[in-house]
Every structure is written in C-alpha cells, then in structure tokens.
C-alpha cells in the first residue's frame, strides 16, 4: 500500500521575493456546488466536471521507491556538501517509477536549497512526470511559491498542460494565489489557455466561486465571453453556481448577457428557471440601467461630439 509522506520540510530562511508567502495549510478538499439542472436540458451537468486534478496535489512516495538523490530531494535533510558531491556523481535528470525527477520532488516539497543546486547543475526544466506535470506545475499545485519563482526565473515554460489540460495558471487560480498568478502572467503564462473541460483560468475561477481571483483576472483583461465545452460563458457559470456576487461583478463589465449555451439558454433564463430571486433582480437592475443609458444617449446625440470640439 502506498503511504503519503506527511512531514513538512524545514522552513527556508531565505526571504521570499515579491513578498510571496509560504502557505502551511497545504490543501483542503473542495466540493462542487449542487447540480442545478434546467427543465429543458441537462447539457453540461455539474458531474461533467470532475475535480480529480485538484484533489491531491502532493506526491505519494515510498522511501523504498526512491534512490539516494530522490530521497535527498524529497526530504531535503542531506548536508549541502554531501548533496553537492551526490549531484556531481549522479544523473540529475534521472526519473523514478512515476517519471519524477529530483527537481519534481524538491519543488513539490518546498526544498528550495535543493532546487537551487539542481538549477545550478543545469538540470532539465520541463521534464514531465506520469501526469504530464513539470516541476513548476508541482510547485504551484503545492503552493511552494519560492520554488516556483526560482523555476520561472530559470526559464521553465508555464504553459505546458498536464493530462487534465490544466496549466500552471489554472492551479494558481484554483489556489486563489493572486501573487503567483501575477508572476506567471509576467513570465508569459497564457491567460486564455483552456483545460479539457474548456475552462480558461477565468471560467475555472467562476466555476469554483473564487471571487477575488475572478476580479484579478478581469483587471488583467481576461476574455469575459470565453466559452467552455458546453458553450457556457462566465456569466452562465456564475448563475448556475448561484453566486450573486460574481454575477454582479460580471454585469459591471462589458459582457454579452444574451449568449446562449448549447442547450439554448441564457444566463437570465437559468436564473429564472432556478428561482434565483437575488440574481433575477440583478438582471432586472442591469436591464433598467442599460435602458436609461440608451435613452440618455439618444436624447443627447451630439453631446460627446460637442464636448470633443471644445
């Protein structure tokens, strides 16, 4: 039976750049909201989205499955001088049975000193483990910001999708890690990358009801009208989640409220059929504001032009 090593690595004494914080609460299980079905169709029911990609970010390891270097990378308890000798005499890119390199293991467990030594030895950065994840993906999954930033600075590609189609930005958004998401975008992460469910980081954030990172992605000009594999926009997903706060946030933007998903329903129709009274009121208020704006523009057609001539 495979046992998970639950011991935490020693905290690094190195101050984290950009004020990155170390999150000692590594993970909590996330449950999706209840399925909200339409009377017209069950296209894209919530069970179509499984969360297995996010459930267990940390590696499961057994000591007997790791060689000397991989054990040192995982636990990080080897003296620096011994580790340097070990790296000199060992293939730093060697993989274990799960296709994990020493860089994967050190990054996933936050052993930044080992990561630095491996990077100094010019180890391969974009090797994929058995789930097609790079060391950078594992560092971000496990919320090891310091290791992730070191990997980015050395040129690791942030856009390599894993077997679920998720990129590093998907995992940063799922973790609600705005600082890491900002760093990833600075290093070229694709803001519109889609996973196998057709979810961009923004759509994932909406689906998981993570309002703060949704607001962050809106400020970063993420496409508000992107569609998932069922033709659902961020607004439709927000309504189906029953998240009035995110619906309100999206309605404040220049968003297409008339978009229909593959079942032919709009966000407002989902709100009505699901009896989301608060969300229905938000749509009513939005419609009223739009009508007032159009009426004002029609009654003052030359106002903008006149002001521009002054």
C-alpha atoms as a PDB file:
ATOM      1  CA  UNK A   1       0.000   0.000   0.000  1.00  0.00           C
ATOM      2  CA  UNK A   2       1.291   3.411  -0.949  1.00  0.00           C
ATOM      3  CA  UNK A   3       1.642   5.763   2.001  1.00  0.00           C
ATOM      4  CA  UNK A   4       1.776   9.532   1.763  1.00  0.00           C
ATOM      5  CA  UNK A   5       4.626  11.241   3.494  1.00  0.00           C
ATOM      6  CA  UNK A   6       3.018  13.956   5.546  1.00  0.00           C
ATOM      7  CA  UNK A   7       6.056  15.552   7.148  1.00  0.00           C
ATOM      8  CA  UNK A   8       6.698  19.138   6.220  1.00  0.00           C
ATOM      9  CA  UNK A   9      10.092  20.331   5.050  1.00  0.00           C
ATOM     10  CA  UNK A  10      12.012  22.733   7.221  1.00  0.00           C
ATOM     11  CA  UNK A  11      11.093  26.336   6.574  1.00  0.00           C
ATOM     12  CA  UNK A  12      13.586  28.145   4.397  1.00  0.00           C
ATOM     13  CA  UNK A  13      15.483  31.003   5.933  1.00  0.00           C
ATOM     14  CA  UNK A  14      15.596  32.791   2.583  1.00  0.00           C
ATOM     15  CA  UNK A  15      13.224  35.735   2.394  1.00  0.00           C
ATOM     16  CA  UNK A  16      10.685  35.220  -0.334  1.00  0.00           C
ATOM     17  CA  UNK A  17      10.898  37.682  -3.249  1.00  0.00           C
ATOM     18  CA  UNK A  18       7.853  39.808  -4.101  1.00  0.00           C
ATOM     19  CA  UNK A  19       6.540  39.152  -0.609  1.00  0.00           C
ATOM     20  CA  UNK A  20       5.491  35.629  -1.562  1.00  0.00           C
ATOM     21  CA  UNK A  21       4.151  33.805   1.430  1.00  0.00           C
ATOM     22  CA  UNK A  22       4.562  30.216   2.463  1.00  0.00           C
ATOM     23  CA  UNK A  23       1.190  28.595   2.992  1.00  0.00           C
ATOM     24  CA  UNK A  24       1.452  25.991   5.705  1.00  0.00           C
ATOM     25  CA  UNK A  25      -2.165  24.945   5.229  1.00  0.00           C
ATOM     26  CA  UNK A  26      -1.392  22.951   2.125  1.00  0.00           C
ATOM     27  CA  UNK A  27      -4.774  21.863   0.882  1.00  0.00           C
ATOM     28  CA  UNK A  28      -8.363  21.310   1.674  1.00  0.00           C
ATOM     29  CA  UNK A  29     -10.826  19.196  -0.244  1.00  0.00           C
ATOM     30  CA  UNK A  30     -13.210  21.190  -2.368  1.00  0.00           C
ATOM     31  CA  UNK A  31     -16.716  20.096  -3.136  1.00  0.00           C
ATOM     32  CA  UNK A  32     -18.534  21.364  -6.186  1.00  0.00           C
ATOM     33  CA  UNK A  33     -21.867  23.096  -5.761  1.00  0.00           C
ATOM     34  CA  UNK A  34     -25.013  21.080  -6.172  1.00  0.00           C
ATOM     35  CA  UNK A  35     -26.062  20.334  -9.698  1.00  0.00           C
ATOM     36  CA  UNK A  36     -28.509  22.924 -10.986  1.00  0.00           C
ATOM     37  CA  UNK A  37     -30.445  21.341 -13.815  1.00  0.00           C
ATOM     38  CA  UNK A  38     -32.560  23.002 -16.419  1.00  0.00           C
ATOM     39  CA  UNK A  39     -36.018  21.711 -17.228  1.00  0.00           C
ATOM     40  CA  UNK A  40     -35.059  21.976 -20.902  1.00  0.00           C
ATOM     41  CA  UNK A  41     -31.828  20.020 -20.844  1.00  0.00           C
ATOM     42  CA  UNK A  42     -29.177  18.545 -18.635  1.00  0.00           C
ATOM     43  CA  UNK A  43     -26.380  19.508 -21.014  1.00  0.00           C
ATOM     44  CA  UNK A  44     -23.238  20.099 -19.029  1.00  0.00           C
ATOM     45  CA  UNK A  45     -24.475  18.914 -15.658  1.00  0.00           C
ATOM     46  CA  UNK A  46     -22.008  19.597 -12.867  1.00  0.00           C
ATOM     47  CA  UNK A  47     -20.904  15.984 -12.721  1.00  0.00           C
ATOM     48  CA  UNK A  48     -19.337  16.529 -16.136  1.00  0.00           C
ATOM     49  CA  UNK A  49     -16.631  18.485 -14.278  1.00  0.00           C
ATOM     50  CA  UNK A  50     -14.607  16.181 -12.079  1.00  0.00           C
ATOM     51  CA  UNK A  51     -12.167  17.724  -9.626  1.00  0.00           C
ATOM     52  CA  UNK A  52      -9.647  14.881  -9.559  1.00  0.00           C
ATOM     53  CA  UNK A  53      -6.980  17.187 -10.973  1.00  0.00           C
ATOM     54  CA  UNK A  54      -7.077  19.271  -7.800  1.00  0.00           C
ATOM     55  CA  UNK A  55      -7.790  16.797  -5.037  1.00  0.00           C
ATOM     56  CA  UNK A  56      -4.301  15.520  -4.154  1.00  0.00           C
ATOM     57  CA  UNK A  57      -1.561  17.969  -5.072  1.00  0.00           C
ATOM     58  CA  UNK A  58       1.202  16.340  -3.031  1.00  0.00           C
ATOM     59  CA  UNK A  59       3.116  13.351  -4.259  1.00  0.00           C
ATOM     60  CA  UNK A  60       2.636   9.989  -2.624  1.00  0.00           C
ATOM     61  CA  UNK A  61       6.058   8.453  -2.054  1.00  0.00           C
ATOM     62  CA  UNK A  62       7.569   5.355  -0.506  1.00  0.00           C
ATOM     63  CA  UNK A  63      11.130   5.515   0.686  1.00  0.00           C
ATOM     64  CA  UNK A  64      11.992   2.186  -0.927  1.00  0.00           C
ATOM     65  CA  UNK A  65      10.909   3.503  -4.345  1.00  0.00           C
ATOM     66  CA  UNK A  66      13.381   6.394  -4.271  1.00  0.00           C
ATOM     67  CA  UNK A  67      17.097   6.313  -4.909  1.00  0.00           C
ATOM     68  CA  UNK A  68      19.581   8.308  -2.872  1.00  0.00           C
ATOM     69  CA  UNK A  69      19.228  11.553  -4.850  1.00  0.00           C
ATOM     70  CA  UNK A  70      15.452  11.448  -4.979  1.00  0.00           C
ATOM     71  CA  UNK A  71      15.236  10.832  -1.244  1.00  0.00           C
ATOM     72  CA  UNK A  72      17.516  13.798  -0.630  1.00  0.00           C
ATOM     73  CA  UNK A  73      15.406  15.965  -2.952  1.00  0.00           C
ATOM     74  CA  UNK A  74      12.166  14.974  -1.226  1.00  0.00           C
ATOM     75  CA  UNK A  75      13.210  15.234   2.406  1.00  0.00           C
ATOM     76  CA  UNK A  76      15.968  17.826   1.995  1.00  0.00           C
ATOM     77  CA  UNK A  77      17.891  16.626   5.046  1.00  0.00           C
ATOM     78  CA  UNK A  78      21.238  15.904   3.387  1.00  0.00           C
ATOM     79  CA  UNK A  79      24.053  18.340   4.287  1.00  0.00           C
ATOM     80  CA  UNK A  80      24.835  20.754   1.475  1.00  0.00           C
ATOM     81  CA  UNK A  81      28.393  19.475   0.936  1.00  0.00           C
ATOM     82  CA  UNK A  82      27.159  15.872   0.671  1.00  0.00           C
ATOM     83  CA  UNK A  83      24.442  16.903  -1.733  1.00  0.00           C
ATOM     84  CA  UNK A  84      26.952  18.701  -3.957  1.00  0.00           C
ATOM     85  CA  UNK A  85      29.066  15.532  -4.125  1.00  0.00           C
ATOM     86  CA  UNK A  86      25.958  13.471  -4.850  1.00  0.00           C
ATOM     87  CA  UNK A  87      24.953  15.781  -7.704  1.00  0.00           C
ATOM     88  CA  UNK A  88      28.445  15.575  -9.168  1.00  0.00           C
ATOM     89  CA  UNK A  89      28.291  11.792  -9.397  1.00  0.00           C
ATOM     90  CA  UNK A  90      24.629  11.315 -10.369  1.00  0.00           C
ATOM     91  CA  UNK A  91      22.431  11.969 -13.399  1.00  0.00           C
ATOM     92  CA  UNK A  92      20.348  14.874 -12.104  1.00  0.00           C
ATOM     93  CA  UNK A  93      17.641  14.184 -14.709  1.00  0.00           C
ATOM     94  CA  UNK A  94      17.105  10.555 -13.738  1.00  0.00           C
ATOM     95  CA  UNK A  95      13.427   9.696 -13.170  1.00  0.00           C
ATOM     96  CA  UNK A  96      11.783   7.268 -10.753  1.00  0.00           C
ATOM     97  CA  UNK A  97       8.920   4.858 -11.477  1.00  0.00           C
ATOM     98  CA  UNK A  98       6.461   7.769 -11.567  1.00  0.00           C
ATOM     99  CA  UNK A  99       8.681   9.689 -14.020  1.00  0.00           C
ATOM    100  CA  UNK A 100       9.591  12.199 -11.312  1.00  0.00           C
ATOM    101  CA  UNK A 101      12.968  13.862 -11.337  1.00  0.00           C
ATOM    102  CA  UNK A 102      14.743  15.167  -8.265  1.00  0.00           C
ATOM    103  CA  UNK A 103      13.568  18.622  -9.372  1.00  0.00           C
ATOM    104  CA  UNK A 104       9.933  17.475  -9.285  1.00  0.00           C
ATOM    105  CA  UNK A 105      10.277  16.115  -5.762  1.00  0.00           C
ATOM    106  CA  UNK A 106      12.231  19.048  -4.339  1.00  0.00           C
ATOM    107  CA  UNK A 107       9.842  21.580  -5.903  1.00  0.00           C
ATOM    108  CA  UNK A 108       6.720  19.783  -4.680  1.00  0.00           C
ATOM    109  CA  UNK A 109       8.024  19.600  -1.108  1.00  0.00           C
ATOM    110  CA  UNK A 110       9.417  23.131  -0.920  1.00  0.00           C
ATOM    111  CA  UNK A 111      13.105  22.234  -0.652  1.00  0.00           C
ATOM    112  CA  UNK A 112      14.334  25.431  -2.261  1.00  0.00           C
ATOM    113  CA  UNK A 113      18.002  24.833  -1.449  1.00  0.00           C
ATOM    114  CA  UNK A 114      17.918  21.545  -3.353  1.00  0.00           C
ATOM    115  CA  UNK A 115      16.048  23.230  -6.213  1.00  0.00           C
ATOM    116  CA  UNK A 116      18.747  25.901  -6.402  1.00  0.00           C
ATOM    117  CA  UNK A 117      21.539  23.312  -6.526  1.00  0.00           C
ATOM    118  CA  UNK A 118      19.739  21.356  -9.245  1.00  0.00           C
ATOM    119  CA  UNK A 119      19.207  24.510 -11.290  1.00  0.00           C
ATOM    120  CA  UNK A 120      22.889  25.399 -10.864  1.00  0.00           C
ATOM    121  CA  UNK A 121      23.686  21.960 -12.326  1.00  0.00           C
ATOM    122  CA  UNK A 122      21.555  22.944 -15.345  1.00  0.00           C
ATOM    123  CA  UNK A 123      19.031  20.168 -14.885  1.00  0.00           C
ATOM    124  CA  UNK A 124      16.260  19.820 -17.453  1.00  0.00           C
ATOM    125  CA  UNK A 125      13.379  22.114 -16.543  1.00  0.00           C
ATOM    126  CA  UNK A 126      10.405  20.799 -18.487  1.00  0.00           C
ATOM    127  CA  UNK A 127      10.543  17.059 -17.809  1.00  0.00           C
ATOM    128  CA  UNK A 128       7.043  15.608 -17.373  1.00  0.00           C
ATOM    129  CA  UNK A 129       6.017  13.207 -14.623  1.00  0.00           C
ATOM    130  CA  UNK A 130       3.410  10.468 -15.072  1.00  0.00           C
ATOM    131  CA  UNK A 131       0.607  13.074 -15.092  1.00  0.00           C
ATOM    132  CA  UNK A 132       2.435  15.306 -17.583  1.00  0.00           C
ATOM    133  CA  UNK A 133       3.337  17.835 -14.904  1.00  0.00           C
ATOM    134  CA  UNK A 134       6.530  19.828 -14.776  1.00  0.00           C
ATOM    135  CA  UNK A 135       8.355  20.699 -11.580  1.00  0.00           C
ATOM    136  CA  UNK A 136       6.847  24.193 -11.891  1.00  0.00           C
ATOM    137  CA  UNK A 137       3.334  22.760 -12.042  1.00  0.00           C
ATOM    138  CA  UNK A 138       4.003  20.740  -8.884  1.00  0.00           C
ATOM    139  CA  UNK A 139       5.472  23.729  -7.050  1.00  0.00           C
ATOM    140  CA  UNK A 140       2.378  25.792  -7.825  1.00  0.00           C
ATOM    141  CA  UNK A 141      -0.019  22.946  -7.072  1.00  0.00           C
ATOM    142  CA  UNK A 142       1.622  22.521  -3.663  1.00  0.00           C
ATOM    143  CA  UNK A 143       1.804  26.283  -3.134  1.00  0.00           C
ATOM    144  CA  UNK A 144       5.574  26.381  -2.894  1.00  0.00           C
ATOM    145  CA  UNK A 145       5.943  29.934  -4.166  1.00  0.00           C
ATOM    146  CA  UNK A 146       9.678  30.297  -3.620  1.00  0.00           C
ATOM    147  CA  UNK A 147      10.497  27.184  -5.639  1.00  0.00           C
ATOM    148  CA  UNK A 148       8.027  28.233  -8.343  1.00  0.00           C
ATOM    149  CA  UNK A 149       9.607  31.653  -8.720  1.00  0.00           C
ATOM    150  CA  UNK A 150      13.101  30.148  -8.978  1.00  0.00           C
ATOM    151  CA  UNK A 151      11.896  27.855 -11.746  1.00  0.00           C
ATOM    152  CA  UNK A 152      10.272  30.734 -13.608  1.00  0.00           C
ATOM    153  CA  UNK A 153      13.441  32.807 -13.369  1.00  0.00           C
ATOM    154  CA  UNK A 154      15.398  29.946 -14.940  1.00  0.00           C
ATOM    155  CA  UNK A 155      13.040  29.717 -17.910  1.00  0.00           C
ATOM    156  CA  UNK A 156      10.585  26.938 -17.107  1.00  0.00           C
ATOM    157  CA  UNK A 157       7.629  27.009 -19.503  1.00  0.00           C
ATOM    158  CA  UNK A 158       4.442  27.973 -17.586  1.00  0.00           C
ATOM    159  CA  UNK A 159       2.126  26.883 -20.403  1.00  0.00           C
ATOM    160  CA  UNK A 160       2.701  23.121 -20.568  1.00  0.00           C
ATOM    161  CA  UNK A 161      -0.682  21.444 -19.897  1.00  0.00           C
ATOM    162  CA  UNK A 162      -0.913  18.364 -17.721  1.00  0.00           C
ATOM    163  CA  UNK A 163      -3.062  15.331 -18.518  1.00  0.00           C
ATOM    164  CA  UNK A 164      -6.162  17.278 -17.468  1.00  0.00           C
ATOM    165  CA  UNK A 165      -5.276  20.195 -19.736  1.00  0.00           C
ATOM    166  CA  UNK A 166      -4.564  22.461 -16.774  1.00  0.00           C
ATOM    167  CA  UNK A 167      -1.640  24.864 -16.948  1.00  0.00           C
ATOM    168  CA  UNK A 168       0.187  26.460 -14.047  1.00  0.00           C
ATOM    169  CA  UNK A 169      -2.194  29.436 -14.166  1.00  0.00           C
ATOM    170  CA  UNK A 170      -5.191  27.135 -13.665  1.00  0.00           C
ATOM    171  CA  UNK A 171      -3.641  25.809 -10.462  1.00  0.00           C
ATOM    172  CA  UNK A 172      -2.698  29.271  -9.204  1.00  0.00           C
ATOM    173  CA  UNK A 173      -6.279  30.422  -9.758  1.00  0.00           C
ATOM    174  CA  UNK A 174      -7.698  27.339  -8.061  1.00  0.00           C
ATOM    175  CA  UNK A 175      -5.436  28.071  -5.073  1.00  0.00           C
ATOM    176  CA  UNK A 176      -6.600  31.715  -5.097  1.00  0.00           C
ATOM    177  CA  UNK A 177      -2.945  32.715  -5.269  1.00  0.00           C
ATOM    178  CA  UNK A 178      -3.052  36.166  -6.857  1.00  0.00           C
ATOM    179  CA  UNK A 179       0.634  36.845  -6.301  1.00  0.00           C
ATOM    180  CA  UNK A 180       1.630  33.664  -8.108  1.00  0.00           C
ATOM    181  CA  UNK A 181      -0.894  34.302 -10.865  1.00  0.00           C
ATOM    182  CA  UNK A 182       0.608  37.760 -11.342  1.00  0.00           C
ATOM    183  CA  UNK A 183       4.120  36.297 -11.527  1.00  0.00           C
ATOM    184  CA  UNK A 184       3.003  33.676 -14.045  1.00  0.00           C
ATOM    185  CA  UNK A 185       1.484  36.335 -16.306  1.00  0.00           C
ATOM    186  CA  UNK A 186       4.703  38.351 -16.084  1.00  0.00           C
ATOM    187  CA  UNK A 187       6.596  35.254 -17.254  1.00  0.00           C
ATOM    188  CA  UNK A 188       4.311  34.631 -20.212  1.00  0.00           C
ATOM    189  CA  UNK A 189       1.529  32.404 -18.895  1.00  0.00           C
ATOM    190  CA  UNK A 190      -1.377  32.261 -21.365  1.00  0.00           C
ATOM    191  CA  UNK A 191      -4.412  33.853 -19.737  1.00  0.00           C
ATOM    192  CA  UNK A 192      -6.811  32.179 -22.210  1.00  0.00           C
ATOM    193  CA  UNK A 193      -5.454  28.624 -22.019  1.00  0.00           C
ATOM    194  CA  UNK A 194      -8.233  26.018 -21.795  1.00  0.00           C
ATOM    195  CA  UNK A 195      -8.241  22.706 -19.969  1.00  0.00           C
ATOM    196  CA  UNK A 196     -10.015  19.574 -21.194  1.00  0.00           C
ATOM    197  CA  UNK A 197     -13.359  20.927 -19.981  1.00  0.00           C
ATOM    198  CA  UNK A 198     -12.825  24.096 -21.995  1.00  0.00           C
ATOM    199  CA  UNK A 199     -12.310  26.148 -18.853  1.00  0.00           C
ATOM    200  CA  UNK A 200      -9.994  29.118 -19.063  1.00  0.00           C
ATOM    201  CA  UNK A 201      -8.486  30.277 -15.745  1.00  0.00           C
ATOM    202  CA  UNK A 202     -11.313  32.833 -15.529  1.00  0.00           C
ATOM    203  CA  UNK A 203     -14.019  30.227 -16.141  1.00  0.00           C
ATOM    204  CA  UNK A 204     -12.382  27.947 -13.581  1.00  0.00           C
ATOM    205  CA  UNK A 205     -12.335  30.776 -11.052  1.00  0.00           C
ATOM    206  CA  UNK A 206     -16.026  31.470 -11.658  1.00  0.00           C
ATOM    207  CA  UNK A 207     -16.914  27.793 -11.507  1.00  0.00           C
ATOM    208  CA  UNK A 208     -15.102  27.477  -8.170  1.00  0.00           C
ATOM    209  CA  UNK A 209     -16.698  30.735  -6.909  1.00  0.00           C
ATOM    210  CA  UNK A 210     -13.359  32.350  -6.147  1.00  0.00           C
ATOM    211  CA  UNK A 211     -14.375  35.993  -6.392  1.00  0.00           C
ATOM    212  CA  UNK A 212     -11.049  37.653  -5.628  1.00  0.00           C
ATOM    213  CA  UNK A 213      -9.119  35.881  -8.381  1.00  0.00           C
ATOM    214  CA  UNK A 214     -12.034  36.407 -10.778  1.00  0.00           C
ATOM    215  CA  UNK A 215     -11.766  40.130 -10.068  1.00  0.00           C
ATOM    216  CA  UNK A 216      -7.988  39.907 -10.597  1.00  0.00           C
ATOM    217  CA  UNK A 217      -8.386  38.203 -13.997  1.00  0.00           C
ATOM    218  CA  UNK A 218     -10.974  40.758 -15.086  1.00  0.00           C
ATOM    219  CA  UNK A 219      -8.443  43.510 -14.342  1.00  0.00           C
ATOM    220  CA  UNK A 220      -5.918  41.562 -16.405  1.00  0.00           C
ATOM    221  CA  UNK A 221      -8.322  41.696 -19.372  1.00  0.00           C
ATOM    222  CA  UNK A 222      -9.268  38.027 -19.459  1.00  0.00           C
ATOM    223  CA  UNK A 223     -11.885  37.264 -22.105  1.00  0.00           C
ATOM    224  CA  UNK A 224     -15.254  37.575 -20.359  1.00  0.00           C
ATOM    225  CA  UNK A 225     -17.083  35.945 -23.259  1.00  0.00           C
ATOM    226  CA  UNK A 226     -14.932  32.804 -23.477  1.00  0.00           C
ATOM    227  CA  UNK A 227     -16.947  29.581 -23.769  1.00  0.00           C
ATOM    228  CA  UNK A 228     -16.446  26.229 -22.104  1.00  0.00           C
ATOM    229  CA  UNK A 229     -17.050  22.948 -23.939  1.00  0.00           C
ATOM    230  CA  UNK A 230     -20.800  23.362 -23.436  1.00  0.00           C
ATOM    231  CA  UNK A 231     -20.910  26.907 -24.758  1.00  0.00           C
ATOM    232  CA  UNK A 232     -21.246  28.463 -21.313  1.00  0.00           C
ATOM    233  CA  UNK A 233     -19.859  31.898 -20.556  1.00  0.00           C
ATOM    234  CA  UNK A 234     -18.547  33.086 -17.217  1.00  0.00           C
ATOM    235  CA  UNK A 235     -21.928  34.719 -16.587  1.00  0.00           C
ATOM    236  CA  UNK A 236     -23.840  31.487 -17.209  1.00  0.00           C
ATOM    237  CA  UNK A 237     -21.473  29.566 -14.944  1.00  0.00           C
ATOM    238  CA  UNK A 238     -21.846  32.187 -12.222  1.00  0.00           C
ATOM    239  CA  UNK A 239     -25.646  31.935 -12.388  1.00  0.00           C
ATOM    240  CA  UNK A 240     -25.581  28.152 -12.317  1.00  0.00           C
ATOM    241  CA  UNK A 241     -23.302  28.306  -9.285  1.00  0.00           C
ATOM    242  CA  UNK A 242     -25.777  30.651  -7.640  1.00  0.00           C
ATOM    243  CA  UNK A 243     -23.059  33.220  -6.988  1.00  0.00           C
ATOM    244  CA  UNK A 244     -24.839  36.579  -6.909  1.00  0.00           C
ATOM    245  CA  UNK A 245     -21.622  38.444  -6.057  1.00  0.00           C
ATOM    246  CA  UNK A 246     -19.800  37.143  -9.143  1.00  0.00           C
ATOM    247  CA  UNK A 247     -22.852  37.718 -11.336  1.00  0.00           C
ATOM    248  CA  UNK A 248     -22.937  41.321 -10.130  1.00  0.00           C
ATOM    249  CA  UNK A 249     -19.203  41.666 -10.771  1.00  0.00           C
ATOM    250  CA  UNK A 250     -19.576  40.384 -14.332  1.00  0.00           C
ATOM    251  CA  UNK A 251     -22.601  42.558 -15.099  1.00  0.00           C
ATOM    252  CA  UNK A 252     -20.481  45.604 -14.251  1.00  0.00           C
ATOM    253  CA  UNK A 253     -18.247  44.701 -17.201  1.00  0.00           C
ATOM    254  CA  UNK A 254     -18.824  44.848 -20.949  1.00  0.00           C
ATOM    255  CA  UNK A 255     -20.220  41.331 -21.148  1.00  0.00           C
ATOM    256  CA  UNK A 256     -22.611  39.606 -23.528  1.00  0.00           C
ATOM    257  CA  UNK A 257     -25.730  38.831 -21.478  1.00  0.00           C
ATOM    258  CA  UNK A 258     -27.578  37.337 -24.463  1.00  0.00           C
ATOM    259  CA  UNK A 259     -25.147  34.482 -25.067  1.00  0.00           C
ATOM    260  CA  UNK A 260     -26.776  31.034 -25.182  1.00  0.00           C
ATOM    261  CA  UNK A 261     -25.119  27.750 -24.259  1.00  0.00           C
ATOM    262  CA  UNK A 262     -25.541  24.514 -26.208  1.00  0.00           C
ATOM    263  CA  UNK A 263     -28.934  23.910 -24.570  1.00  0.00           C
ATOM    264  CA  UNK A 264     -30.111  27.251 -25.935  1.00  0.00           C
ATOM    265  CA  UNK A 265     -30.418  29.063 -22.609  1.00  0.00           C
ATOM    266  CA  UNK A 266     -29.070  32.399 -21.473  1.00  0.00           C
ATOM    267  CA  UNK A 267     -27.784  33.274 -18.035  1.00  0.00           C
ATOM    268  CA  UNK A 268     -31.009  35.095 -17.186  1.00  0.00           C
ATOM    269  CA  UNK A 269     -33.121  32.108 -18.234  1.00  0.00           C
ATOM    270  CA  UNK A 270     -31.104  29.875 -15.918  1.00  0.00           C
ATOM    271  CA  UNK A 271     -31.659  32.349 -13.096  1.00  0.00           C
ATOM    272  CA  UNK A 272     -35.416  32.367 -13.682  1.00  0.00           C
ATOM    273  CA  UNK A 273     -35.796  28.588 -14.062  1.00  0.00           C
ATOM    274  CA  UNK A 274     -33.702  28.005 -10.928  1.00  0.00           C
ATOM    275  CA  UNK A 275     -35.645  30.629  -8.897  1.00  0.00           C
ATOM    276  CA  UNK A 276     -32.525  32.635  -8.009  1.00  0.00           C
ATOM    277  CA  UNK A 277     -34.510  35.710  -6.965  1.00  0.00           C
ATOM    278  CA  UNK A 278     -31.490  37.813  -5.997  1.00  0.00           C
ATOM    279  CA  UNK A 279     -29.779  37.097  -9.312  1.00  0.00           C
ATOM    280  CA  UNK A 280     -33.005  37.758 -11.230  1.00  0.00           C
ATOM    281  CA  UNK A 281     -33.164  41.166  -9.554  1.00  0.00           C
ATOM    282  CA  UNK A 282     -29.581  41.851 -10.634  1.00  0.00           C
ATOM    283  CA  UNK A 283     -30.576  41.197 -14.254  1.00  0.00           C
ATOM    284  CA  UNK A 284     -33.606  43.458 -13.885  1.00  0.00           C
ATOM    285  CA  UNK A 285     -31.437  46.245 -12.473  1.00  0.00           C
ATOM    286  CA  UNK A 286     -28.898  45.714 -15.271  1.00  0.00           C
ATOM    287  CA  UNK A 287     -31.619  45.945 -17.936  1.00  0.00           C
ATOM    288  CA  UNK A 288     -33.018  49.106 -16.387  1.00  0.00           C
ATOM    289  CA  UNK A 289     -29.597  50.759 -16.283  1.00  0.00           C
ATOM    290  CA  UNK A 290     -28.968  49.826 -19.914  1.00  0.00           C
ATOM    291  CA  UNK A 291     -32.305  51.291 -20.990  1.00  0.00           C
ATOM    292  CA  UNK A 292     -31.618  54.523 -19.102  1.00  0.00           C
ATOM    293  CA  UNK A 293     -28.182  54.780 -20.691  1.00  0.00           C
ATOM    294  CA  UNK A 294     -29.558  54.201 -24.195  1.00  0.00           C
ATOM    295  CA  UNK A 295     -32.338  56.722 -23.577  1.00  0.00           C
ATOM    296  CA  UNK A 296     -29.812  59.293 -22.361  1.00  0.00           C
ATOM    297  CA  UNK A 297     -27.569  58.746 -25.388  1.00  0.00           C
ATOM    298  CA  UNK A 298     -30.498  59.046 -27.799  1.00  0.00           C
ATOM    299  CA  UNK A 299     -31.706  62.290 -26.194  1.00  0.00           C
ATOM    300  CA  UNK A 300     -28.216  63.845 -26.361  1.00  0.00           C
ATOM    301  CA  UNK A 301     -26.728  62.530 -29.630  1.00  0.00           C
ATOM    302  CA  UNK A 302     -24.369  65.470 -30.116  1.00  0.00           C
ATOM    303  CA  UNK A 303     -23.168  65.815 -26.541  1.00  0.00           C
ATOM    304  CA  UNK A 304     -19.999  63.772 -26.962  1.00  0.00           C
ATOM    305  CA  UNK A 305     -19.103  65.346 -30.272  1.00  0.00           C
ATOM    306  CA  UNK A 306     -19.690  68.863 -28.958  1.00  0.00           C
ATOM    307  CA  UNK A 307     -17.538  68.266 -25.913  1.00  0.00           C
ATOM    308  CA  UNK A 308     -14.712  66.931 -28.049  1.00  0.00           C
ATOM    309  CA  UNK A 309     -14.706  70.151 -30.106  1.00  0.00           C
ATOM    310  CA  UNK A 310     -14.228  72.363 -27.009  1.00  0.00           C
END
